[in-house]
Amino acid sequence: MRLLRFQGPGTAGPRLGLEEEEGGDVVDLSEAEPALPRSMRAFLESGEHGLQAARRALASGRHRLLRAGVRLLAPIDDPEKVICVGLNYRDHCLEQDVKVPKEPLIFSKFPSAITGPFDDIVHPAESSEVDWEVELAAIIGKAGRHIQESAALEHIVGFTVANDVSARDWQMRRNGRQWLLGKTFDTFCPLGPAIVTKDSVTARRRGAVRDRGTGHYLQQGGVRTRPPPQTPPCLAMTVLNKSAPGDGRCSLCADFIALQGQWLQLHELLEEGS
């Protein structure tokens, strides 16, 4: 399934929905199953009960809305935390001439940085080096701590596309070279449009993400380029913090950091896809 949040014409507040197919029309899950919560985080906390209700709505053939008539939002906007993994792909290490880390390089973003997949990224006046990196984000569906590798996928409900927007000047040279401020300006974490449930991901070996701007591809990469020796990123933080439904784990999948100072420009269009 392809879970999403949307704003429809004449609706009061965000609603839960599903895509019939990638790029297809929207099933109004909140109308089909009014007892379900309106928050994606609360929906995920309901576990299999919520997912079964979503399957019923999808199979019913009812409660359809034309995609062109709705505004797609970030599929989740209120996780407890957004945990990201840097230097997590071999290609990304090679392009920077750095060694592949022996353990994941963890950083975070504030949930307030989340914005929708088609919303504007606000270019802060305080930065002249705004960069972007397309990501594969794993969405936690089942709480846990000290999760074993063999049980990792039991805690993931699905995957979505993310964009790790960064102010490189703040990340690399300011704030004591701590990454947080450079990573978490408002709108620096576009998500979506859909959380693709893991039962719908039929060929993980072909999983790929790409980023296109100004009419040409800027990034293209796949999960196959992640170096195998690392602790799986979805487990890395569970030693220190409990994973909660709705939490995001973003694994970097970039072919380059902005080439030769190719920073994000005002009014530039970025399109992420998988």
C-alpha atoms as a PDB file:
ATOM      1  CA  MET A   1       0.000   0.000   0.000  1.00  0.00           C
ATOM      2  CA  ARG A   2       0.929   3.630  -0.439  1.00  0.00           C
ATOM      3  CA  LEU A   3      -0.102   5.589   2.669  1.00  0.00           C
ATOM      4  CA  LEU A   4      -0.297   9.376   2.540  1.00  0.00           C
ATOM      5  CA  ARG A   5      -1.737  12.536   4.049  1.00  0.00           C
ATOM      6  CA  PHE A   6      -3.602  15.106   1.999  1.00  0.00           C
ATOM      7  CA  GLN A   7      -5.678  18.240   2.110  1.00  0.00           C
ATOM      8  CA  GLY A   8      -8.811  18.063  -0.007  1.00  0.00           C
ATOM      9  CA  PRO A   9     -11.155  20.771  -1.246  1.00  0.00           C
ATOM     10  CA  GLY A  10     -13.499  21.819   1.528  1.00  0.00           C
ATOM     11  CA  THR A  11     -11.960  19.486   4.103  1.00  0.00           C
ATOM     12  CA  ALA A  12     -11.166  20.663   7.606  1.00  0.00           C
ATOM     13  CA  GLY A  13      -7.543  19.811   8.224  1.00  0.00           C
ATOM     14  CA  PRO A  14      -5.299  17.031   6.902  1.00  0.00           C
ATOM     15  CA  ARG A  15      -6.764  13.587   6.156  1.00  0.00           C
ATOM     16  CA  LEU A  16      -5.284  10.135   5.776  1.00  0.00           C
ATOM     17  CA  GLY A  17      -5.382   8.469   2.392  1.00  0.00           C
ATOM     18  CA  LEU A  18      -3.848   5.961   0.015  1.00  0.00           C
ATOM     19  CA  GLU A  19      -2.627   6.154  -3.546  1.00  0.00           C
ATOM     20  CA  GLU A  20      -4.375   3.623  -5.783  1.00  0.00           C
ATOM     21  CA  GLU A  21      -1.024   3.309  -7.534  1.00  0.00           C
ATOM     22  CA  GLU A  22       2.076   5.436  -7.914  1.00  0.00           C
ATOM     23  CA  GLY A  23       0.908   8.781  -9.258  1.00  0.00           C
ATOM     24  CA  GLY A  24      -2.724   7.602  -9.174  1.00  0.00           C
ATOM     25  CA  ASP A  25      -5.890   8.906  -7.586  1.00  0.00           C
ATOM     26  CA  VAL A  26      -6.361   9.107  -3.826  1.00  0.00           C
ATOM     27  CA  VAL A  27      -8.513   6.945  -1.563  1.00  0.00           C
ATOM     28  CA  ASP A  28      -9.930   9.052   1.289  1.00  0.00           C
ATOM     29  CA  LEU A  29      -9.135   6.738   4.193  1.00  0.00           C
ATOM     30  CA  SER A  30     -10.560   9.156   6.760  1.00  0.00           C
ATOM     31  CA  GLU A  31     -13.929   9.007   5.002  1.00  0.00           C
ATOM     32  CA  ALA A  32     -13.845   5.262   4.393  1.00  0.00           C
ATOM     33  CA  GLU A  33     -12.865   4.447   7.996  1.00  0.00           C
ATOM     34  CA  PRO A  34     -13.967   7.424  10.135  1.00  0.00           C
ATOM     35  CA  ALA A  35     -13.007   5.682  13.388  1.00  0.00           C
ATOM     36  CA  LEU A  36      -9.330   5.812  12.430  1.00  0.00           C
ATOM     37  CA  PRO A  37      -7.174   8.631  13.813  1.00  0.00           C
ATOM     38  CA  ARG A  38      -6.338  11.556  11.530  1.00  0.00           C
ATOM     39  CA  SER A  39      -2.677  11.581  12.541  1.00  0.00           C
ATOM     40  CA  MET A  40      -0.360   9.233  10.627  1.00  0.00           C
ATOM     41  CA  ARG A  41       1.671   8.675  13.776  1.00  0.00           C
ATOM     42  CA  ALA A  42      -1.451   7.611  15.716  1.00  0.00           C
ATOM     43  CA  PHE A  43      -2.518   5.486  12.744  1.00  0.00           C
ATOM     44  CA  LEU A  44       0.816   3.655  12.762  1.00  0.00           C
ATOM     45  CA  GLU A  45       0.551   3.164  16.520  1.00  0.00           C
ATOM     46  CA  SER A  46      -2.702   1.269  15.903  1.00  0.00           C
ATOM     47  CA  GLY A  47      -0.633  -1.406  14.178  1.00  0.00           C
ATOM     48  CA  GLU A  48      -2.253  -4.162  12.165  1.00  0.00           C
ATOM     49  CA  HIS A  49      -5.755  -2.930  13.033  1.00  0.00           C
ATOM     50  CA  GLY A  50      -5.133   0.287  11.116  1.00  0.00           C
ATOM     51  CA  LEU A  51      -3.417  -1.451   8.218  1.00  0.00           C
ATOM     52  CA  GLN A  52      -6.325  -3.871   7.832  1.00  0.00           C
ATOM     53  CA  ALA A  53      -8.743  -0.940   7.701  1.00  0.00           C
ATOM     54  CA  ALA A  54      -6.604   0.638   4.989  1.00  0.00           C
ATOM     55  CA  ARG A  55      -6.660  -2.571   2.970  1.00  0.00           C
ATOM     56  CA  ARG A  56     -10.470  -2.658   3.209  1.00  0.00           C
ATOM     57  CA  ALA A  57     -10.721   0.906   1.968  1.00  0.00           C
ATOM     58  CA  LEU A  58      -8.394   0.220  -0.943  1.00  0.00           C
ATOM     59  CA  ALA A  59     -10.312  -2.909  -1.955  1.00  0.00           C
ATOM     60  CA  SER A  60     -13.730  -1.244  -1.698  1.00  0.00           C
ATOM     61  CA  GLY A  61     -13.370   0.766  -4.894  1.00  0.00           C
ATOM     62  CA  ARG A  62     -15.063   3.718  -3.146  1.00  0.00           C
ATOM     63  CA  HIS A  63     -14.128   7.070  -1.615  1.00  0.00           C
ATOM     64  CA  ARG A  64     -11.913   8.043  -4.551  1.00  0.00           C
ATOM     65  CA  LEU A  65     -10.654  11.584  -5.158  1.00  0.00           C
ATOM     66  CA  LEU A  66      -8.914  12.854  -8.266  1.00  0.00           C
ATOM     67  CA  ARG A  67      -5.249  13.389  -7.528  1.00  0.00           C
ATOM     68  CA  ALA A  68      -5.313  16.758  -9.265  1.00  0.00           C
ATOM     69  CA  GLY A  69      -7.922  17.967  -6.773  1.00  0.00           C
ATOM     70  CA  VAL A  70      -5.941  17.361  -3.585  1.00  0.00           C
ATOM     71  CA  ARG A  71      -2.769  18.722  -2.054  1.00  0.00           C
ATOM     72  CA  LEU A  72      -0.360  15.995  -0.962  1.00  0.00           C
ATOM     73  CA  LEU A  73       1.332  16.628   2.385  1.00  0.00           C
ATOM     74  CA  ALA A  74       4.291  15.021   4.109  1.00  0.00           C
ATOM     75  CA  PRO A  75       3.057  11.491   4.874  1.00  0.00           C
ATOM     76  CA  ILE A  76       3.993  12.017   8.519  1.00  0.00           C
ATOM     77  CA  ASP A  77       4.570  15.375  10.172  1.00  0.00           C
ATOM     78  CA  ASP A  78       4.784  14.584  13.886  1.00  0.00           C
ATOM     79  CA  PRO A  79       7.346  11.839  14.590  1.00  0.00           C
ATOM     80  CA  GLU A  80       9.147  11.794  17.913  1.00  0.00           C
ATOM     81  CA  LYS A  81      12.434  12.076  16.060  1.00  0.00           C
ATOM     82  CA  VAL A  82      14.093  12.023  12.657  1.00  0.00           C
ATOM     83  CA  ILE A  83      17.391  10.148  12.735  1.00  0.00           C
ATOM     84  CA  CYS A  84      19.746  10.382   9.762  1.00  0.00           C
ATOM     85  CA  VAL A  85      22.828   8.427   8.761  1.00  0.00           C
ATOM     86  CA  GLY A  86      25.733  10.155   7.032  1.00  0.00           C
ATOM     87  CA  LEU A  87      28.390   8.610   4.794  1.00  0.00           C
ATOM     88  CA  ASN A  88      26.209   5.522   4.565  1.00  0.00           C
ATOM     89  CA  TYR A  89      26.832   4.717   0.895  1.00  0.00           C
ATOM     90  CA  ARG A  90      30.129   3.690  -0.603  1.00  0.00           C
ATOM     91  CA  ASP A  91      29.715   6.009  -3.605  1.00  0.00           C
ATOM     92  CA  HIS A  92      29.154   8.961  -1.288  1.00  0.00           C
ATOM     93  CA  CYS A  93      32.376   8.190   0.580  1.00  0.00           C
ATOM     94  CA  LEU A  94      34.372   7.815  -2.625  1.00  0.00           C
ATOM     95  CA  GLU A  95      33.218  11.127  -4.040  1.00  0.00           C
ATOM     96  CA  GLN A  96      34.517  12.897  -0.919  1.00  0.00           C
ATOM     97  CA  ASP A  97      37.710  10.827  -0.695  1.00  0.00           C
ATOM     98  CA  VAL A  98      36.907   9.663   2.834  1.00  0.00           C
ATOM     99  CA  LYS A  99      37.044   6.220   4.376  1.00  0.00           C
ATOM    100  CA  VAL A 100      33.894   4.178   4.764  1.00  0.00           C
ATOM    101  CA  PRO A 101      33.026   4.503   8.466  1.00  0.00           C
ATOM    102  CA  LYS A 102      33.172   1.385  10.624  1.00  0.00           C
ATOM    103  CA  GLU A 103      29.941   2.370  12.368  1.00  0.00           C
ATOM    104  CA  PRO A 104      27.085   4.651  11.305  1.00  0.00           C
ATOM    105  CA  LEU A 105      27.597   8.407  11.481  1.00  0.00           C
ATOM    106  CA  ILE A 106      24.398   9.579  13.166  1.00  0.00           C
ATOM    107  CA  PHE A 107      22.811  13.017  13.126  1.00  0.00           C
ATOM    108  CA  SER A 108      19.263  14.277  13.496  1.00  0.00           C
ATOM    109  CA  LYS A 109      16.743  16.817  12.280  1.00  0.00           C
ATOM    110  CA  PHE A 110      13.991  18.478  14.278  1.00  0.00           C
ATOM    111  CA  PRO A 111      10.507  17.279  13.289  1.00  0.00           C
ATOM    112  CA  SER A 112       9.762  20.970  12.641  1.00  0.00           C
ATOM    113  CA  ALA A 113      12.019  20.730   9.571  1.00  0.00           C
ATOM    114  CA  ILE A 114       9.535  18.379   7.861  1.00  0.00           C
ATOM    115  CA  THR A 115       7.624  19.761   4.900  1.00  0.00           C
ATOM    116  CA  GLY A 116       5.585  18.311   2.054  1.00  0.00           C
ATOM    117  CA  PRO A 117       6.985  16.679  -1.078  1.00  0.00           C
ATOM    118  CA  PHE A 118       5.869  19.535  -3.337  1.00  0.00           C
ATOM    119  CA  ASP A 119       6.188  22.427  -0.897  1.00  0.00           C
ATOM    120  CA  ASP A 120       8.785  25.160  -1.254  1.00  0.00           C
ATOM    121  CA  ILE A 121      12.148  24.778   0.463  1.00  0.00           C
ATOM    122  CA  VAL A 122      12.776  28.077   2.214  1.00  0.00           C
ATOM    123  CA  HIS A 123      16.279  29.331   1.404  1.00  0.00           C
ATOM    124  CA  PRO A 124      17.467  30.944   4.656  1.00  0.00           C
ATOM    125  CA  ALA A 125      19.054  34.356   4.301  1.00  0.00           C
ATOM    126  CA  GLU A 126      21.702  33.224   6.806  1.00  0.00           C
ATOM    127  CA  SER A 127      23.211  30.687   4.377  1.00  0.00           C
ATOM    128  CA  SER A 128      24.799  30.925   0.947  1.00  0.00           C
ATOM    129  CA  GLU A 129      25.539  27.191   0.651  1.00  0.00           C
ATOM    130  CA  VAL A 130      22.213  25.355   0.685  1.00  0.00           C
ATOM    131  CA  ASP A 131      22.644  21.796  -0.562  1.00  0.00           C
ATOM    132  CA  TRP A 132      20.341  18.818  -1.069  1.00  0.00           C
ATOM    133  CA  GLU A 133      20.620  15.036  -1.026  1.00  0.00           C
ATOM    134  CA  VAL A 134      17.909  12.574  -1.948  1.00  0.00           C
ATOM    135  CA  GLU A 135      17.343   9.900   0.703  1.00  0.00           C
ATOM    136  CA  LEU A 136      15.609   6.607   1.365  1.00  0.00           C
ATOM    137  CA  ALA A 137      13.747   6.907   4.684  1.00  0.00           C
ATOM    138  CA  ALA A 138      12.599   3.903   6.709  1.00  0.00           C
ATOM    139  CA  ILE A 139       9.473   4.621   8.769  1.00  0.00           C
ATOM    140  CA  ILE A 140       9.173   2.863  12.113  1.00  0.00           C
ATOM    141  CA  GLY A 141       5.868   1.082  12.686  1.00  0.00           C
ATOM    142  CA  LYS A 142       6.586  -0.862  15.872  1.00  0.00           C
ATOM    143  CA  ALA A 143       8.263   0.492  18.985  1.00  0.00           C
ATOM    144  CA  GLY A 144      11.427  -1.157  20.215  1.00  0.00           C
ATOM    145  CA  ARG A 145      14.836  -0.843  21.798  1.00  0.00           C
ATOM    146  CA  HIS A 146      17.995  -2.953  21.521  1.00  0.00           C
ATOM    147  CA  ILE A 147      16.546  -4.408  18.317  1.00  0.00           C
ATOM    148  CA  GLN A 148      18.406  -7.389  16.903  1.00  0.00           C
ATOM    149  CA  GLU A 149      19.390  -7.352  13.240  1.00  0.00           C
ATOM    150  CA  SER A 150      17.295 -10.458  12.574  1.00  0.00           C
ATOM    151  CA  ALA A 151      14.184  -8.599  13.786  1.00  0.00           C
ATOM    152  CA  ALA A 152      14.879  -5.218  12.181  1.00  0.00           C
ATOM    153  CA  LEU A 153      12.255  -5.395   9.431  1.00  0.00           C
ATOM    154  CA  GLU A 154       9.584  -6.298  11.979  1.00  0.00           C
ATOM    155  CA  HIS A 155       9.867  -2.731  13.285  1.00  0.00           C
ATOM    156  CA  ILE A 156       9.700  -0.997   9.893  1.00  0.00           C
ATOM    157  CA  VAL A 157       6.264  -0.340   8.404  1.00  0.00           C
ATOM    158  CA  GLY A 158       7.530   1.039   5.090  1.00  0.00           C
ATOM    159  CA  PHE A 159       9.694   3.481   3.206  1.00  0.00           C
ATOM    160  CA  THR A 160       9.408   6.951   1.733  1.00  0.00           C
ATOM    161  CA  VAL A 161      11.509   9.435  -0.195  1.00  0.00           C
ATOM    162  CA  ALA A 162      13.212  12.224   1.760  1.00  0.00           C
ATOM    163  CA  ASN A 163      15.438  15.148   0.920  1.00  0.00           C
ATOM    164  CA  ASP A 164      18.249  15.965   3.329  1.00  0.00           C
ATOM    165  CA  VAL A 165      18.603  19.696   2.764  1.00  0.00           C
ATOM    166  CA  SER A 166      21.662  21.224   4.437  1.00  0.00           C
ATOM    167  CA  ALA A 167      23.231  24.618   4.979  1.00  0.00           C
ATOM    168  CA  ARG A 168      26.811  23.470   4.422  1.00  0.00           C
ATOM    169  CA  ASP A 169      28.365  26.688   5.749  1.00  0.00           C
ATOM    170  CA  TRP A 170      26.552  26.202   9.068  1.00  0.00           C
ATOM    171  CA  GLN A 171      27.239  22.467   9.087  1.00  0.00           C
ATOM    172  CA  MET A 172      30.948  22.605   8.293  1.00  0.00           C
ATOM    173  CA  ARG A 173      32.233  25.930   9.595  1.00  0.00           C
ATOM    174  CA  ARG A 174      29.839  27.418  12.147  1.00  0.00           C
ATOM    175  CA  ASN A 175      28.293  26.338  15.476  1.00  0.00           C
ATOM    176  CA  GLY A 176      31.521  24.613  16.476  1.00  0.00           C
ATOM    177  CA  ARG A 177      31.193  22.395  13.361  1.00  0.00           C
ATOM    178  CA  GLN A 178      28.333  20.514  14.977  1.00  0.00           C
ATOM    179  CA  TRP A 179      25.884  19.461  12.283  1.00  0.00           C
ATOM    180  CA  LEU A 180      22.529  20.090  13.942  1.00  0.00           C
ATOM    181  CA  LEU A 181      21.825  23.709  13.008  1.00  0.00           C
ATOM    182  CA  GLY A 182      22.979  23.250   9.425  1.00  0.00           C
ATOM    183  CA  LYS A 183      20.638  20.293   9.012  1.00  0.00           C
ATOM    184  CA  THR A 184      17.457  21.499  10.619  1.00  0.00           C
ATOM    185  CA  PHE A 185      16.364  24.875   9.295  1.00  0.00           C
ATOM    186  CA  ASP A 186      12.626  25.011   8.654  1.00  0.00           C
ATOM    187  CA  THR A 187      11.625  23.034   5.489  1.00  0.00           C
ATOM    188  CA  PHE A 188      14.981  21.189   5.403  1.00  0.00           C
ATOM    189  CA  CYS A 189      13.302  17.750   5.476  1.00  0.00           C
ATOM    190  CA  PRO A 190      10.824  17.294   2.596  1.00  0.00           C
ATOM    191  CA  LEU A 191       9.108  13.890   2.812  1.00  0.00           C
ATOM    192  CA  GLY A 192       6.851  11.853   0.569  1.00  0.00           C
ATOM    193  CA  PRO A 193       4.501  11.763  -1.061  1.00  0.00           C
ATOM    194  CA  ALA A 194       3.732   8.209   0.164  1.00  0.00           C
ATOM    195  CA  ILE A 195       4.902   5.691   2.726  1.00  0.00           C
ATOM    196  CA  VAL A 196       5.196   2.486   0.707  1.00  0.00           C
ATOM    197  CA  THR A 197       4.511  -0.397   3.072  1.00  0.00           C
ATOM    198  CA  LYS A 198       7.194  -3.038   3.145  1.00  0.00           C
ATOM    199  CA  ASP A 199       4.849  -5.728   1.793  1.00  0.00           C
ATOM    200  CA  SER A 200       4.602  -3.643  -1.399  1.00  0.00           C
ATOM    201  CA  VAL A 201       8.368  -3.393  -1.869  1.00  0.00           C
ATOM    202  CA  THR A 202       8.910  -6.475  -3.986  1.00  0.00           C
ATOM    203  CA  ALA A 203      12.452  -5.927  -5.247  1.00  0.00           C
ATOM    204  CA  ARG A 204      14.674  -4.288  -2.655  1.00  0.00           C
ATOM    205  CA  ARG A 205      17.752  -5.085  -4.705  1.00  0.00           C
ATOM    206  CA  ARG A 206      16.469  -2.694  -7.348  1.00  0.00           C
ATOM    207  CA  GLY A 207      15.561   0.011  -4.853  1.00  0.00           C
ATOM    208  CA  ALA A 208      16.802   3.369  -6.065  1.00  0.00           C
ATOM    209  CA  VAL A 209      16.330   7.044  -5.453  1.00  0.00           C
ATOM    210  CA  ARG A 210      17.012   9.964  -7.741  1.00  0.00           C
ATOM    211  CA  ASP A 211      16.963  13.745  -7.624  1.00  0.00           C
ATOM    212  CA  ARG A 212      16.375  15.966 -10.609  1.00  0.00           C
ATOM    213  CA  GLY A 213      16.790  19.717 -10.859  1.00  0.00           C
ATOM    214  CA  THR A 214      16.606  22.186 -13.707  1.00  0.00           C
ATOM    215  CA  GLY A 215      15.633  19.412 -16.104  1.00  0.00           C
ATOM    216  CA  HIS A 216      18.492  16.943 -15.560  1.00  0.00           C
ATOM    217  CA  TYR A 217      19.405  14.287 -13.024  1.00  0.00           C
ATOM    218  CA  LEU A 218      21.593  15.527 -10.204  1.00  0.00           C
ATOM    219  CA  GLN A 219      21.689  12.334  -8.166  1.00  0.00           C
ATOM    220  CA  GLN A 220      20.914   8.720  -8.829  1.00  0.00           C
ATOM    221  CA  GLY A 221      21.785   5.794  -6.625  1.00  0.00           C
ATOM    222  CA  GLY A 222      20.529   2.579  -5.124  1.00  0.00           C
ATOM    223  CA  VAL A 223      20.546   0.651  -1.906  1.00  0.00           C
ATOM    224  CA  ARG A 224      23.088  -1.721  -3.410  1.00  0.00           C
ATOM    225  CA  THR A 225      25.819   0.885  -2.806  1.00  0.00           C
ATOM    226  CA  ARG A 226      25.510   0.806   0.983  1.00  0.00           C
ATOM    227  CA  PRO A 227      28.661  -0.733   2.484  1.00  0.00           C
ATOM    228  CA  PRO A 228      27.798  -4.039   4.199  1.00  0.00           C
ATOM    229  CA  PRO A 229      30.037  -3.910   7.292  1.00  0.00           C
ATOM    230  CA  GLN A 230      28.036  -1.202   9.055  1.00  0.00           C
ATOM    231  CA  THR A 231      25.464  -1.870  11.738  1.00  0.00           C
ATOM    232  CA  PRO A 232      22.106  -1.517   9.943  1.00  0.00           C
ATOM    233  CA  PRO A 233      21.103   2.147  10.316  1.00  0.00           C
ATOM    234  CA  CYS A 234      17.603   1.299  11.549  1.00  0.00           C
ATOM    235  CA  LEU A 235      19.227  -0.402  14.554  1.00  0.00           C
ATOM    236  CA  ALA A 236      22.018   2.038  15.271  1.00  0.00           C
ATOM    237  CA  MET A 237      20.073   4.396  17.520  1.00  0.00           C
ATOM    238  CA  THR A 238      17.957   1.791  19.308  1.00  0.00           C
ATOM    239  CA  VAL A 239      20.810   1.105  21.722  1.00  0.00           C
ATOM    240  CA  LEU A 240      20.457   4.669  23.013  1.00  0.00           C
ATOM    241  CA  ASN A 241      16.862   5.621  22.203  1.00  0.00           C
ATOM    242  CA  LYS A 242      13.590   3.797  21.877  1.00  0.00           C
ATOM    243  CA  SER A 243      12.212   3.715  18.337  1.00  0.00           C
ATOM    244  CA  ALA A 244       8.593   4.856  18.197  1.00  0.00           C
ATOM    245  CA  PRO A 245       5.937   4.527  15.470  1.00  0.00           C
ATOM    246  CA  GLY A 246       6.354   7.257  12.905  1.00  0.00           C
ATOM    247  CA  ASP A 247      10.053   7.807  13.581  1.00  0.00           C
ATOM    248  CA  GLY A 248      12.106   8.202  10.432  1.00  0.00           C
ATOM    249  CA  ARG A 249      15.514   6.747   9.680  1.00  0.00           C
ATOM    250  CA  CYS A 250      17.072   8.432   6.647  1.00  0.00           C
ATOM    251  CA  SER A 251      19.896   6.631   4.882  1.00  0.00           C
ATOM    252  CA  LEU A 252      22.009   8.871   2.713  1.00  0.00           C
ATOM    253  CA  CYS A 253      22.019   7.844  -0.941  1.00  0.00           C
ATOM    254  CA  ALA A 254      23.786  10.566  -2.846  1.00  0.00           C
ATOM    255  CA  ASP A 255      26.064  10.408  -5.848  1.00  0.00           C
ATOM    256  CA  PHE A 256      27.586  13.744  -4.917  1.00  0.00           C
ATOM    257  CA  ILE A 257      27.457  16.783  -2.703  1.00  0.00           C
ATOM    258  CA  ALA A 258      26.805  19.900  -4.786  1.00  0.00           C
ATOM    259  CA  LEU A 259      29.285  19.628  -7.624  1.00  0.00           C
ATOM    260  CA  GLN A 260      31.925  22.353  -7.539  1.00  0.00           C
ATOM    261  CA  GLY A 261      29.797  24.685  -5.449  1.00  0.00           C
ATOM    262  CA  GLN A 262      26.552  23.921  -7.279  1.00  0.00           C
ATOM    263  CA  TRP A 263      24.354  25.126  -4.446  1.00  0.00           C
ATOM    264  CA  LEU A 264      20.565  25.244  -4.444  1.00  0.00           C
ATOM    265  CA  GLN A 265      19.407  28.454  -6.087  1.00  0.00           C
ATOM    266  CA  LEU A 266      16.316  30.539  -5.385  1.00  0.00           C
ATOM    267  CA  HIS A 267      13.294  29.272  -7.354  1.00  0.00           C
ATOM    268  CA  GLU A 268      15.129  26.105  -8.485  1.00  0.00           C
ATOM    269  CA  LEU A 269      12.886  23.067  -8.949  1.00  0.00           C
ATOM    270  CA  LEU A 270      13.929  19.781  -7.353  1.00  0.00           C
ATOM    271  CA  GLU A 271      12.084  16.516  -8.006  1.00  0.00           C
ATOM    272  CA  GLU A 272      12.781  13.401  -5.945  1.00  0.00           C
ATOM    273  CA  GLY A 273      11.592   9.967  -6.940  1.00  0.00           C
ATOM    274  CA  SER A 274      12.147   6.266  -6.551  1.00  0.00           C
END
